[in-house]
Every structure is written in structure tokens, then in C-alpha cells.
Amino acid sequence: MGRGNLGRSLEQAFRAAGQLTSLVPGGTAFIKPPSFGIVFLAVPDQAVEEVAAKFARLKLSRRLSFVHVSGALALGVLDALRDHAVGSFHPLQSFPAPRDPSAFQGITVAVDATSPALMRRLRSLARALGAEPRHVGDKDRVAYHAAAVFASNYVDVLLGEGVQLLQAAGWSEKEATAGLLALTEGTLASVRRRGFVAALTGPVRRGDVNTVERHLAALSGPTADLYRMLGLIALEIAVEAGLEPAAAEQMRRALTARAAATRRRRRT
């Protein structure tokens, strides 16, 4: 239920995997529910509880299960359907548009369920899509989804910042995007081969304080603050990768000095 990007992608992938499926709009107030199987609620997070309540007012078969596809919501949003097995099924993938079944190949799908039978079924469905199921319970769900935001949404944001800096230097958006994407793809390949600690490069990893200070002098506002924040996190990784303590302390001072000076000026 839900004809958004994920709902349409899931329905197509399930059908390609040999499952009997149907797709109805998420705005449908009342539908004739099936007598058995799983209803996937592929509706916006803020609508899941309301849709569950609408289903609860219908005459439903006990052989019917309900599953939301949110990465952030606990199973409690389906409490109106507590007489049924309920669960969650969240593909760890981005869907800016409907995607074909290959989008599920090799990814992780976070699953949870209130019954062992439904859990087994969700794991089986994930594998049928070519994905690897991973149990993510309510207590871990927020951290799990925040990790996904870092690895997907915020990568997009960081690339956007880089593109804007290059555009300010006279590059076209197309040129900047192409150049930075090639760099990003190389980084991802290094992380895949070596892990994120060994893959870290750049001025923070080398302890190149002068370069970092020049960067900060050239940046301003939220972009400079973002650079400092990420630089301090990169510094922790650099230390783990082998940056000498004295060089690390110099880098820490460089990354915090201007921010501290700004705070002092504001107080006065």
C-alpha cells in the first residue's frame, strides 16, 4: 500500500522474485483487504499510525500480517493492529525515484517482527530480492536510521557543498559534479578495500596544519563550522590510523582556534 518511490520499487521487485503482489495508493481510505499474506504499508512515516488505525476498523482475517517500511519507526506505530503479527522491512538503499529490482541486489534489509513466523517470512523475502536481512529491533532503530542518514543523505549534502565551492571558483555545476563524483567514487572504493580508518587521506590525516588553516581562512559561516566539525571527527580517525600525538594536538588547535575566537568576540 503506497505508490511512492519505495512502494513501487518494492512491488516490482517482489513480483520479479515470483511473489503474488498488488499495489494500491496509500491515500485509499478503505480497501477490501486480502484474506491472507502481508500488507506492506509503504506510506510516509507520519501516516503509518493513521493507516494502521483505518485497517483496524475493518473486518480482517487473522492470517493477515502488517509491515511498515520505515527505517526510523518502532513497531508501536502498528499497535492498532496488535491482534495481528506486525513487523518492519526497511531496505538500506536510497530511492529518489522508483528503481528496478537490481537496486535490492546485495543490500541490507533491516527486519523486525512480533512473531517468529513473520520474522522468518520477512527474512525469506529479503533474500528473494537478493538482499541480506538483518534484525534491527526497536531499541536500535534510531541509531540505525541515523547511520543511514550519514551514509546517504549527508553524503549528498557534502557533495552539494563541494559543488557550490567550485562553482564560486568559476566551474559549471556539471564540471564540479563530475569532478567531485569521481573523487567520491574513488574514496568509496578505498573504503571498500581497506576500511574507513585506513582509507582516510587528506590534510588532517597528514597533520598538514597550514593547509587546514588556509581552508578555514577561505571559508565562512556554516560551511566553515561544518569543516571544523568534520575535521575534528576526521582527527579522531587520523589518530587511530597513526597520526602522532603532537601533530594531532596541533591540528586540534587549528580546527578549534578560529571558532573559539569567534565565541570570544560575540561575548564582548
Protein backbone atom coordinates (compact mmCIF):
# COMPACT_ATOMS: atom_id res chain seq x y z
CA MET A 1 0.00 0.00 0.00
CA GLY A 2 1.60 3.21 -1.22
CA ARG A 3 2.60 4.28 -4.69
CA GLY A 4 5.66 6.30 -3.70
CA ASN A 5 9.18 5.54 -4.87
CA LEU A 6 9.82 2.74 -2.38
CA GLY A 7 6.36 1.20 -2.65
CA ARG A 8 6.55 0.97 -6.42
CA SER A 9 10.13 -0.33 -6.29
CA LEU A 10 9.28 -3.00 -3.73
CA GLU A 11 6.19 -4.17 -5.59
CA GLN A 12 8.15 -4.56 -8.81
CA ALA A 13 11.00 -6.38 -7.03
CA PHE A 14 8.64 -8.77 -5.23
CA ARG A 15 6.85 -9.51 -8.47
CA ALA A 16 10.16 -10.15 -10.24
CA ALA A 17 11.06 -12.57 -7.43
CA GLY A 18 7.89 -14.58 -8.13
CA GLN A 19 5.65 -13.20 -5.40
CA LEU A 20 1.94 -12.57 -5.96
CA THR A 21 1.54 -8.85 -5.37
CA SER A 22 -0.82 -5.93 -5.87
CA LEU A 23 -0.28 -2.21 -5.42
CA VAL A 24 -2.85 0.29 -4.13
CA PRO A 25 -2.47 4.02 -3.42
CA GLY A 26 -1.58 4.96 0.13
CA GLY A 27 -4.39 7.50 0.19
CA THR A 28 -7.02 4.79 -0.20
CA ALA A 29 -9.19 5.18 2.91
CA PHE A 30 -10.78 1.77 2.77
CA ILE A 31 -9.88 -1.22 0.64
CA LYS A 32 -11.04 -4.77 0.58
CA PRO A 33 -8.22 -6.46 2.48
CA PRO A 34 -6.87 -9.82 1.34
CA SER A 35 -7.67 -12.90 3.39
CA PHE A 36 -4.02 -13.80 3.99
CA GLY A 37 -0.50 -12.57 3.34
CA ILE A 38 1.34 -9.39 4.23
CA VAL A 39 0.26 -5.79 3.78
CA PHE A 40 3.31 -3.56 3.38
CA LEU A 41 2.48 -0.03 4.48
CA ALA A 42 4.77 1.94 2.15
CA VAL A 43 3.30 5.29 3.16
CA PRO A 44 5.06 8.35 4.68
CA ASP A 45 6.18 7.87 8.27
CA GLN A 46 3.66 10.37 9.61
CA ALA A 47 0.81 8.41 8.00
CA VAL A 48 1.66 4.90 9.20
CA GLU A 49 -0.22 5.08 12.51
CA GLU A 50 -3.31 6.57 10.89
CA VAL A 51 -3.39 3.96 8.12
CA ALA A 52 -2.96 1.19 10.68
CA ALA A 53 -5.93 2.55 12.64
CA LYS A 54 -8.05 2.58 9.48
CA PHE A 55 -7.21 -1.05 8.79
CA ALA A 56 -8.02 -1.95 12.40
CA ARG A 57 -11.60 -0.77 11.86
CA LEU A 58 -12.08 -3.29 9.04
CA LYS A 59 -13.04 -6.92 9.33
CA LEU A 60 -9.65 -8.57 8.96
CA SER A 61 -8.51 -12.17 8.69
CA ARG A 62 -6.20 -13.30 11.46
CA ARG A 63 -3.99 -14.74 8.70
CA LEU A 64 -3.07 -11.23 7.64
CA SER A 65 0.14 -9.50 8.79
CA PHE A 66 1.08 -5.82 8.55
CA VAL A 67 4.57 -4.45 7.96
CA HIS A 68 5.82 -0.87 7.71
CA VAL A 69 8.86 0.04 5.63
CA SER A 70 10.17 2.92 7.76
CA GLY A 71 13.76 2.91 8.96
CA ALA A 72 13.02 5.10 11.98
CA LEU A 73 9.63 4.00 13.36
CA ALA A 74 9.22 1.43 16.12
CA LEU A 75 6.67 -1.34 15.84
CA GLY A 76 4.48 0.55 18.31
CA VAL A 77 3.03 2.62 15.46
CA LEU A 78 1.17 -0.55 14.46
CA ASP A 79 -0.39 -1.07 17.92
CA ALA A 80 -3.89 -0.63 16.47
CA LEU A 81 -3.26 -3.95 14.71
CA ARG A 82 -1.94 -5.74 17.77
CA ASP A 83 -4.25 -8.72 17.12
CA HIS A 84 -2.11 -9.45 14.07
CA ALA A 85 1.57 -10.16 13.59
CA VAL A 86 3.28 -6.89 12.66
CA GLY A 87 6.77 -6.05 11.55
CA SER A 88 9.13 -3.75 9.69
CA PHE A 89 11.05 -4.19 6.45
CA HIS A 90 13.49 -1.37 5.61
CA PRO A 91 15.80 -1.65 2.60
CA LEU A 92 19.08 0.12 3.35
CA GLN A 93 19.05 1.85 -0.01
CA SER A 94 18.05 5.23 -1.41
CA PHE A 95 15.02 5.65 -3.65
CA PRO A 96 14.97 9.18 -5.08
CA ALA A 97 12.82 7.68 -7.84
CA PRO A 98 11.29 4.24 -8.47
CA ARG A 99 14.11 1.78 -9.10
CA ASP A 100 14.24 -1.61 -10.80
CA PRO A 101 14.79 -4.88 -8.87
CA SER A 102 18.57 -4.65 -9.24
CA ALA A 103 18.52 -1.88 -6.61
CA PHE A 104 17.97 -4.57 -3.95
CA GLN A 105 20.83 -6.81 -5.03
CA GLY A 106 23.49 -7.10 -2.34
CA ILE A 107 21.97 -4.53 0.04
CA THR A 108 20.94 -4.97 3.67
CA VAL A 109 17.28 -5.07 4.68
CA ALA A 110 16.51 -4.30 8.34
CA VAL A 111 13.72 -6.56 9.58
CA ASP A 112 11.75 -6.95 12.80
CA ALA A 113 8.54 -8.74 13.71
CA THR A 114 6.31 -9.60 16.65
CA SER A 115 6.11 -13.28 15.70
CA PRO A 116 8.80 -15.81 14.73
CA ALA A 117 6.76 -16.87 11.69
CA LEU A 118 6.59 -13.34 10.32
CA MET A 119 10.29 -12.79 11.04
CA ARG A 120 11.15 -15.92 9.05
CA ARG A 121 8.92 -14.74 6.21
CA LEU A 122 10.50 -11.27 6.09
CA ARG A 123 13.99 -12.73 6.10
CA SER A 124 12.98 -15.03 3.26
CA LEU A 125 11.53 -12.15 1.26
CA ALA A 126 14.70 -10.10 1.71
CA ARG A 127 16.81 -12.98 0.40
CA ALA A 128 14.40 -13.45 -2.51
CA LEU A 129 15.22 -9.87 -3.54
CA GLY A 130 18.95 -10.65 -3.44
CA ALA A 131 19.41 -8.75 -0.17
CA GLU A 132 20.78 -9.75 3.22
CA PRO A 133 18.30 -9.49 6.13
CA ARG A 134 19.48 -8.03 9.42
CA HIS A 135 17.41 -7.89 12.60
CA VAL A 136 17.08 -4.32 13.90
CA GLY A 137 14.87 -4.07 16.97
CA ASP A 138 13.14 -1.03 18.44
CA LYS A 139 15.98 -0.12 20.81
CA ASP A 140 18.49 0.10 17.95
CA ARG A 141 16.25 1.59 15.28
CA VAL A 142 17.03 5.29 15.80
CA ALA A 143 20.81 4.74 15.75
CA TYR A 144 20.41 2.51 12.70
CA HIS A 145 18.45 5.14 10.82
CA ALA A 146 20.81 7.95 11.85
CA ALA A 147 23.69 5.88 10.45
CA ALA A 148 21.78 5.54 7.19
CA VAL A 149 21.28 9.32 7.05
CA PHE A 150 25.03 9.88 7.47
CA ALA A 151 25.90 7.39 4.74
CA SER A 152 23.29 8.57 2.24
CA ASN A 153 21.57 11.91 2.77
CA TYR A 154 24.56 13.72 4.25
CA VAL A 155 26.91 12.45 1.54
CA ASP A 156 24.59 14.24 -0.89
CA VAL A 157 24.73 17.38 1.26
CA LEU A 158 28.54 17.33 1.47
CA LEU A 159 28.86 16.89 -2.28
CA GLY A 160 26.49 19.83 -2.69
CA GLU A 161 28.76 21.99 -0.52
CA GLY A 162 31.76 20.99 -2.60
CA VAL A 163 29.95 21.73 -5.86
CA GLN A 164 29.00 25.20 -4.63
CA LEU A 165 32.60 25.98 -3.65
CA LEU A 166 33.82 25.01 -7.12
CA GLN A 167 31.03 26.99 -8.78
CA ALA A 168 32.17 30.04 -6.81
CA ALA A 169 35.62 29.42 -8.32
CA GLY A 170 34.18 29.50 -11.84
CA TRP A 171 33.33 25.87 -12.51
CA SER A 172 29.99 24.93 -14.04
CA GLU A 173 27.71 22.73 -11.94
CA LYS A 174 28.23 19.89 -14.43
CA GLU A 175 32.02 20.18 -14.26
CA ALA A 176 32.05 20.40 -10.46
CA THR A 177 29.67 17.47 -10.02
CA ALA A 178 31.62 15.25 -12.43
CA GLY A 179 34.96 16.07 -10.82
CA LEU A 180 33.80 15.52 -7.24
CA LEU A 181 31.83 12.38 -8.06
CA ALA A 182 34.96 10.75 -9.47
CA LEU A 183 36.78 11.65 -6.25
CA THR A 184 33.94 10.33 -4.09
CA GLU A 185 33.75 7.08 -6.02
CA GLY A 186 37.50 6.59 -5.55
CA THR A 187 37.10 7.17 -1.83
CA LEU A 188 34.29 4.64 -1.61
CA ALA A 189 36.39 2.10 -3.47
CA SER A 190 39.22 2.65 -0.96
CA VAL A 191 36.85 2.24 2.00
CA ARG A 192 35.56 -0.98 0.44
CA ARG A 193 39.09 -2.35 0.07
CA ARG A 194 40.75 -1.03 3.22
CA GLY A 195 38.09 0.09 5.71
CA PHE A 196 37.31 3.67 6.70
CA VAL A 197 40.33 4.13 9.01
CA ALA A 198 42.99 3.06 6.51
CA ALA A 199 41.20 4.84 3.65
CA LEU A 200 41.39 8.29 5.27
CA THR A 201 43.65 10.70 3.38
CA GLY A 202 43.98 14.47 3.21
CA PRO A 203 45.45 17.26 5.32
CA VAL A 204 44.01 16.17 8.66
CA ARG A 205 45.37 12.64 8.21
CA ARG A 206 48.80 14.05 7.26
CA GLY A 207 48.81 16.62 10.07
CA ASP A 208 49.08 19.42 7.49
CA VAL A 209 48.08 22.29 9.76
CA ASN A 210 48.97 25.06 7.32
CA THR A 211 46.59 23.71 4.67
CA VAL A 212 43.76 23.38 7.15
CA GLU A 213 44.33 26.94 8.38
CA ARG A 214 44.20 28.23 4.78
CA HIS A 215 40.96 26.33 4.20
CA LEU A 216 39.38 27.87 7.28
CA ALA A 217 40.54 31.36 6.27
CA ALA A 218 38.83 30.90 2.91
CA LEU A 219 35.56 29.58 4.31
CA SER A 220 32.91 31.37 6.32
CA GLY A 221 29.62 30.86 8.12
CA PRO A 222 28.00 27.43 8.34
CA THR A 223 30.41 25.98 5.75
CA ALA A 224 33.39 26.82 7.97
CA ASP A 225 31.60 25.40 11.01
CA LEU A 226 30.86 22.20 9.09
CA TYR A 227 34.50 21.94 8.02
CA ARG A 228 35.69 22.29 11.63
CA MET A 229 33.18 19.76 12.94
CA LEU A 230 34.03 17.15 10.33
CA GLY A 231 37.72 17.91 10.72
CA LEU A 232 37.59 17.11 14.43
CA ILE A 233 35.87 13.80 13.70
CA ALA A 234 38.43 13.07 10.96
CA LEU A 235 41.15 13.84 13.52
CA GLU A 236 39.92 11.03 15.77
CA ILE A 237 40.16 8.65 12.82
CA ALA A 238 43.59 10.02 11.89
CA VAL A 239 44.88 9.32 15.40
CA GLU A 240 43.54 5.78 15.14
CA ALA A 241 45.31 5.49 11.78
CA GLY A 242 48.63 6.53 13.31
CA LEU A 243 48.90 10.33 13.40
CA GLU A 244 51.47 11.32 16.04
CA PRO A 245 50.02 12.84 19.25
CA ALA A 246 51.95 16.12 18.88
CA ALA A 247 50.74 16.58 15.31
CA ALA A 248 47.22 15.70 16.38
CA GLU A 249 47.27 18.34 19.12
CA GLN A 250 48.46 21.00 16.66
CA MET A 251 45.66 20.01 14.31
CA ARG A 252 43.09 20.14 17.09
CA ARG A 253 44.17 23.69 17.98
CA ALA A 254 43.96 24.75 14.34
CA LEU A 255 40.45 23.34 13.99
CA THR A 256 39.16 24.99 17.16
CA ALA A 257 41.11 28.28 17.35
CA ARG A 258 39.01 30.37 15.00
CA ALA A 259 35.73 29.05 16.45
CA ALA A 260 36.94 29.91 19.96
CA ALA A 261 37.98 33.40 18.82
CA THR A 262 34.56 33.94 17.26
CA ARG A 263 32.85 32.99 20.52
CA ARG A 264 35.05 35.41 22.45
CA ARG A 265 34.22 38.27 20.07
CA ARG A 266 30.50 37.56 20.45
CA ARG A 267 30.75 37.71 24.26
CA THR A 268 32.46 41.10 24.13
